[in-house]
Every structure is written in structure tokens, then in C-alpha cells.
Amino acid sequence: MTRACKLYKLTCMEGLGSFMRRRRDELDLSLREFAKRLDCSAAFISDIELGRRHPSDKVLAEIARVLEVKLETLQAMDERAPIEDIKRLTQSDPRYALAFRTMIDRKVSAEELLALANQKRDERHKKK
């Protein structure tokens, strides 16, 4: 079983749905009880756990509260690509499209991308 590591320093991790299910089991929360605490339907929670639906930011924050985990932990498990953001970036600056294509052509791994992003973030913080 894989687990989420420190935010953005992931080598492998489980998805949001499987994490939610495992954490519910650890807390001895049934699907119905969990849904009741979130004020939503058990079917909706089941769909999230099965990867058929994705919670809004507000619902995700409530899930984090009920599961007693940090919101950032759950956000890091969201496997959806930010398609609309990518479209907006590539339309506003074609260099992003080139960067994305280059990354894919060179088969840059997720770990390499996250390491680069962390490195750049750390460099910016040092300059402040």
C-alpha cells in the first residue's frame, strides 16, 4: 500500500478515493455515517471513492475535517489534470505549449517535475 509523503515530495501515493476509504476504515466510519457528517449522499461519497466524481474545494475541505487530515494531503492526491488552466496558459503564452510538448517528448517523470518545481520555489523564497 502506498501513502502520500510530504506535500509535493512524493515518490508514490494512493489516489484520493482509496485514501478516503482506508481512512474511513481506520476511523471506523461507515459510508452512510461519513456521508451524514458531510451532509451529502452516500452515493456521492461512493462515487468519489470509486473515482467517478470529484469533490468541490468546499466538500474536499469538509472531507479533510471529518477524516482528521490536512486539506493539503487530500489536494495532493487529486489526480485530475488542470485542463482548463493548461488551456488558458497555452493560449496566453505559446511557450507553455512548447514546454508541455518538450516535457512529454523527453518523457520527464512526475518526480522530476515536482523536484524542479520545489527547487524553483525554494530559490524564490531564498531571494526574499
Protein backbone atom coordinates (compact mmCIF):
# COMPACT_ATOMS: atom_id res chain seq x y z
CA MET A 1 0.00 0.00 0.00
CA THR A 2 1.40 3.37 -0.92
CA ARG A 3 0.90 6.51 1.08
CA ALA A 4 1.19 10.24 0.50
CA CYS A 5 4.54 11.64 1.51
CA LYS A 6 5.30 15.28 2.30
CA LEU A 7 3.41 17.64 0.04
CA TYR A 8 4.98 17.78 -3.42
CA LYS A 9 7.81 15.47 -2.37
CA LEU A 10 6.03 12.34 -3.49
CA THR A 11 7.59 9.24 -4.89
CA CYS A 12 4.36 7.27 -4.98
CA MET A 13 0.96 7.65 -3.47
CA GLU A 14 -2.54 6.34 -3.47
CA GLY A 15 -5.43 8.18 -5.04
CA LEU A 16 -7.99 10.25 -3.21
CA GLY A 17 -10.74 7.63 -3.31
CA SER A 18 -8.70 4.76 -1.93
CA PHE A 19 -7.22 7.02 0.74
CA MET A 20 -10.69 8.15 1.82
CA ARG A 21 -11.88 4.56 2.06
CA ARG A 22 -8.81 3.45 4.05
CA ARG A 23 -9.05 6.44 6.39
CA ARG A 24 -12.79 5.84 6.95
CA ASP A 25 -11.96 2.26 7.89
CA GLU A 26 -9.26 3.47 10.30
CA LEU A 27 -11.81 5.77 11.94
CA ASP A 28 -14.46 3.02 11.89
CA LEU A 29 -16.82 5.23 9.87
CA SER A 30 -19.39 3.60 7.63
CA LEU A 31 -20.08 5.12 4.24
CA ARG A 32 -23.51 6.29 5.44
CA GLU A 33 -22.17 7.81 8.66
CA PHE A 34 -19.39 9.57 6.75
CA ALA A 35 -21.88 10.95 4.23
CA LYS A 36 -24.17 12.09 7.04
CA ARG A 37 -21.32 14.01 8.70
CA LEU A 38 -20.61 15.67 5.35
CA ASP A 39 -24.29 16.40 4.73
CA CYS A 40 -24.30 14.64 1.37
CA SER A 41 -25.47 11.32 -0.03
CA ALA A 42 -23.71 8.00 0.43
CA ALA A 43 -23.91 7.54 -3.36
CA PHE A 44 -21.94 10.76 -3.88
CA ILE A 45 -19.20 9.62 -1.47
CA SER A 46 -19.14 6.19 -3.09
CA ASP A 47 -18.66 7.84 -6.49
CA ILE A 48 -15.74 9.87 -5.12
CA GLU A 49 -14.14 6.77 -3.63
CA LEU A 50 -14.55 4.94 -6.94
CA GLY A 51 -13.10 7.86 -8.92
CA ARG A 52 -16.30 8.59 -10.82
CA ARG A 53 -16.80 12.05 -9.31
CA HIS A 54 -14.59 14.69 -7.79
CA PRO A 55 -15.47 16.86 -4.80
CA SER A 56 -15.53 20.64 -4.94
CA ASP A 57 -12.94 22.52 -2.91
CA LYS A 58 -15.56 23.15 -0.23
CA VAL A 59 -16.52 19.47 0.03
CA LEU A 60 -12.86 18.43 -0.02
CA ALA A 61 -12.21 20.73 2.96
CA GLU A 62 -15.11 19.10 4.82
CA ILE A 63 -13.79 15.63 3.96
CA ALA A 64 -10.40 16.62 5.39
CA ARG A 65 -12.07 17.84 8.58
CA VAL A 66 -14.11 14.66 9.08
CA LEU A 67 -11.17 12.38 8.22
CA GLU A 68 -8.92 14.42 10.53
CA VAL A 69 -6.26 15.06 7.88
CA LYS A 70 -4.81 18.21 6.36
CA LEU A 71 -6.59 19.60 3.33
CA GLU A 72 -3.22 19.76 1.53
CA THR A 73 -2.86 16.00 1.93
CA LEU A 74 -6.11 15.42 0.05
CA GLN A 75 -5.32 18.07 -2.56
CA ALA A 76 -2.03 16.32 -3.33
CA MET A 77 -3.99 13.13 -4.10
CA ASP A 78 -6.18 14.74 -6.74
CA GLU A 79 -5.12 13.01 -9.96
CA ARG A 80 -7.16 15.25 -12.27
CA ALA A 81 -5.15 17.35 -14.68
CA PRO A 82 -5.98 21.07 -14.52
CA ILE A 83 -7.08 21.07 -18.16
CA GLU A 84 -8.74 24.49 -18.15
CA ASP A 85 -5.68 26.09 -16.56
CA ILE A 86 -3.40 24.41 -19.08
CA LYS A 87 -5.57 25.61 -21.98
CA ARG A 88 -5.61 29.17 -20.63
CA LEU A 89 -1.82 29.19 -20.15
CA THR A 90 -1.04 27.79 -23.59
CA GLN A 91 -3.42 30.23 -25.26
CA SER A 92 -1.98 33.22 -23.44
CA ASP A 93 1.67 32.20 -23.93
CA PRO A 94 2.64 29.64 -26.61
CA ARG A 95 5.88 28.93 -24.74
CA TYR A 96 3.82 26.90 -22.27
CA ALA A 97 2.62 24.66 -25.12
CA LEU A 98 6.22 24.18 -26.21
CA ALA A 99 7.28 23.45 -22.64
CA PHE A 100 4.50 20.86 -22.20
CA ARG A 101 5.29 19.18 -25.53
CA THR A 102 9.02 19.11 -24.70
CA MET A 103 8.31 17.59 -21.30
CA ILE A 104 6.19 14.85 -22.88
CA ASP A 105 8.63 14.22 -25.76
CA ARG A 106 11.54 13.87 -23.33
CA LYS A 107 9.48 11.65 -21.04
CA VAL A 108 10.14 13.80 -17.98
CA SER A 109 8.79 11.96 -14.93
CA ALA A 110 6.37 13.40 -12.39
CA GLU A 111 9.09 13.14 -9.75
CA GLU A 112 11.48 15.19 -11.90
CA LEU A 113 8.85 17.86 -12.50
CA LEU A 114 7.98 18.11 -8.82
CA ALA A 115 11.66 18.29 -7.88
CA LEU A 116 12.18 21.11 -10.36
CA ALA A 117 9.12 22.97 -9.09
CA ASN A 118 10.31 22.61 -5.49
CA GLN A 119 13.79 23.78 -6.44
CA LYS A 120 12.41 26.88 -8.18
CA ARG A 121 10.09 27.64 -5.27
CA ASP A 122 12.97 27.32 -2.80
CA GLU A 123 15.13 29.63 -4.93
CA ARG A 124 12.37 32.26 -4.95
CA HIS A 125 11.98 32.04 -1.16
CA LYS A 126 15.74 32.50 -0.65
CA LYS A 127 15.67 35.70 -2.69
CA LYS A 128 13.01 37.25 -0.41
